């Protein structure tokens, strides 16, 4: 199933695998639980200084 969601953290909590895309390009991919801790996710969607949670 393909899920497209703006709330990245919520989507990653239910996904097994994920591809992080921005302007049509894949920035990173991998296991969803690993991407929750990835700096690319924080910088792309939550701002560089975002806190986890």
N, C-alpha and C. Protein backbone atom coordinates (compact mmCIF):
# COMPACT_ATOMS: atom_id res chain seq x y z
N UNK A 1 0.84 -1.16 0.00
CA UNK A 1 0.00 0.00 0.00
C UNK A 1 0.90 1.24 0.00
N UNK A 2 0.53 2.20 -0.75
CA UNK A 2 1.23 3.48 -0.79
C UNK A 2 0.47 4.48 0.05
N UNK A 3 1.16 5.09 1.00
CA UNK A 3 0.56 6.11 1.86
C UNK A 3 1.32 7.41 1.64
N UNK A 4 0.59 8.44 1.30
CA UNK A 4 1.18 9.77 1.15
C UNK A 4 0.58 10.63 2.25
N UNK A 5 1.44 11.14 3.12
CA UNK A 5 0.95 11.82 4.32
C UNK A 5 1.89 12.97 4.67
N UNK A 6 1.31 14.09 5.06
CA UNK A 6 2.11 15.24 5.50
C UNK A 6 2.60 15.08 6.92
N UNK A 7 1.93 14.32 7.72
CA UNK A 7 2.34 14.09 9.10
C UNK A 7 3.31 12.90 9.12
N UNK A 8 4.57 13.21 8.81
CA UNK A 8 5.58 12.18 8.60
C UNK A 8 5.76 11.27 9.80
N UNK A 9 5.83 11.82 10.99
CA UNK A 9 6.04 10.98 12.18
C UNK A 9 4.91 9.98 12.37
N UNK A 10 3.67 10.41 12.19
CA UNK A 10 2.54 9.51 12.36
C UNK A 10 2.58 8.40 11.30
N UNK A 11 2.90 8.76 10.08
CA UNK A 11 2.97 7.77 9.00
C UNK A 11 4.07 6.74 9.28
N UNK A 12 5.21 7.21 9.74
CA UNK A 12 6.32 6.30 10.01
C UNK A 12 6.04 5.35 11.18
N UNK A 13 5.18 5.75 12.08
CA UNK A 13 4.84 4.89 13.22
C UNK A 13 4.02 3.68 12.80
N UNK A 14 3.31 3.76 11.65
CA UNK A 14 2.50 2.63 11.21
C UNK A 14 3.09 1.91 10.00
N UNK A 15 4.11 2.50 9.39
CA UNK A 15 4.71 1.92 8.18
C UNK A 15 5.81 0.92 8.53
N UNK A 16 6.08 0.02 7.61
CA UNK A 16 7.20 -0.90 7.75
C UNK A 16 8.44 -0.35 7.05
N UNK A 17 8.24 0.21 5.88
CA UNK A 17 9.33 0.75 5.07
C UNK A 17 8.86 2.10 4.53
N UNK A 18 9.80 3.00 4.30
CA UNK A 18 9.42 4.33 3.84
C UNK A 18 10.44 4.91 2.87
N UNK A 19 9.94 5.79 2.02
CA UNK A 19 10.76 6.57 1.11
C UNK A 19 10.46 8.03 1.40
N UNK A 20 11.45 8.79 1.72
CA UNK A 20 11.29 10.20 2.01
C UNK A 20 11.57 10.98 0.73
N UNK A 21 10.52 11.64 0.23
CA UNK A 21 10.64 12.37 -1.03
C UNK A 21 10.44 13.86 -0.82
N UNK A 22 11.13 14.62 -1.66
CA UNK A 22 10.97 16.07 -1.66
C UNK A 22 11.10 16.54 -3.10
N UNK A 23 10.14 17.29 -3.58
CA UNK A 23 10.08 17.81 -4.95
C UNK A 23 10.37 16.71 -5.98
N UNK A 24 9.75 15.54 -5.78
CA UNK A 24 9.84 14.45 -6.74
C UNK A 24 11.11 13.62 -6.68
N UNK A 25 11.97 13.88 -5.74
CA UNK A 25 13.23 13.12 -5.60
C UNK A 25 13.23 12.37 -4.29
N UNK A 26 13.76 11.16 -4.30
CA UNK A 26 13.90 10.38 -3.07
C UNK A 26 15.14 10.87 -2.33
N UNK A 27 14.93 11.38 -1.10
CA UNK A 27 16.04 11.85 -0.28
C UNK A 27 16.70 10.70 0.47
N UNK A 28 15.87 9.79 0.97
CA UNK A 28 16.37 8.64 1.71
C UNK A 28 15.27 7.59 1.76
N UNK A 29 15.64 6.37 2.10
CA UNK A 29 14.66 5.30 2.24
C UNK A 29 15.19 4.29 3.24
N UNK A 30 14.30 3.47 3.74
CA UNK A 30 14.70 2.43 4.67
C UNK A 30 13.56 2.01 5.57
N UNK A 31 13.90 1.29 6.62
CA UNK A 31 12.90 0.88 7.59
C UNK A 31 12.32 2.12 8.26
N UNK A 32 11.02 2.12 8.42
CA UNK A 32 10.35 3.29 8.99
C UNK A 32 10.89 3.63 10.37
N UNK A 33 11.12 2.63 11.19
CA UNK A 33 11.62 2.90 12.55
C UNK A 33 12.99 3.57 12.52
N UNK A 34 13.81 3.26 11.52
CA UNK A 34 15.11 3.91 11.40
C UNK A 34 14.98 5.35 10.91
N UNK A 35 14.02 5.59 10.02
CA UNK A 35 13.83 6.95 9.50
C UNK A 35 13.29 7.90 10.57
N UNK A 36 12.61 7.36 11.57
CA UNK A 36 12.13 8.20 12.67
C UNK A 36 13.29 8.90 13.38
N UNK A 37 14.46 8.27 13.35
CA UNK A 37 15.64 8.82 14.02
C UNK A 37 16.59 9.53 13.04
N UNK A 38 16.23 9.58 11.77
CA UNK A 38 17.11 10.11 10.73
C UNK A 38 17.10 11.63 10.72
N UNK A 39 18.25 12.24 10.65
CA UNK A 39 18.36 13.70 10.60
C UNK A 39 17.74 14.28 9.34
N UNK A 40 17.75 13.53 8.24
CA UNK A 40 17.16 14.02 6.99
C UNK A 40 15.68 14.31 7.18
N UNK A 41 14.98 13.45 7.90
CA UNK A 41 13.56 13.67 8.17
C UNK A 41 13.36 14.96 8.96
N UNK A 42 14.13 15.14 10.01
CA UNK A 42 13.99 16.34 10.84
C UNK A 42 14.26 17.61 10.05
N UNK A 43 15.30 17.60 9.24
CA UNK A 43 15.64 18.80 8.45
C UNK A 43 14.63 19.07 7.36
N UNK A 44 14.15 18.03 6.70
CA UNK A 44 13.25 18.22 5.57
C UNK A 44 11.83 18.62 5.99
N UNK A 45 11.33 18.02 7.08
CA UNK A 45 9.93 18.20 7.42
C UNK A 45 9.65 18.88 8.75
N UNK A 46 10.61 18.88 9.64
CA UNK A 46 10.35 19.41 10.97
C UNK A 46 11.21 20.61 11.33
N UNK A 47 12.10 20.99 10.45
CA UNK A 47 13.02 22.09 10.74
C UNK A 47 14.26 21.56 11.43
N UNK A 48 15.38 22.18 11.21
CA UNK A 48 16.67 21.68 11.70
C UNK A 48 16.71 21.57 13.21
N UNK A 49 16.00 22.42 13.93
CA UNK A 49 16.07 22.40 15.39
C UNK A 49 14.92 21.67 16.05
N UNK A 50 14.19 20.87 15.29
CA UNK A 50 13.02 20.19 15.84
C UNK A 50 13.42 19.14 16.87
N UNK A 51 12.57 18.97 17.86
CA UNK A 51 12.80 17.96 18.87
C UNK A 51 12.05 16.70 18.51
N UNK A 52 12.56 15.57 18.94
CA UNK A 52 11.90 14.29 18.67
C UNK A 52 10.73 14.12 19.60
N UNK A 53 9.74 13.37 19.12
CA UNK A 53 8.62 13.08 19.99
C UNK A 53 7.40 13.04 19.29
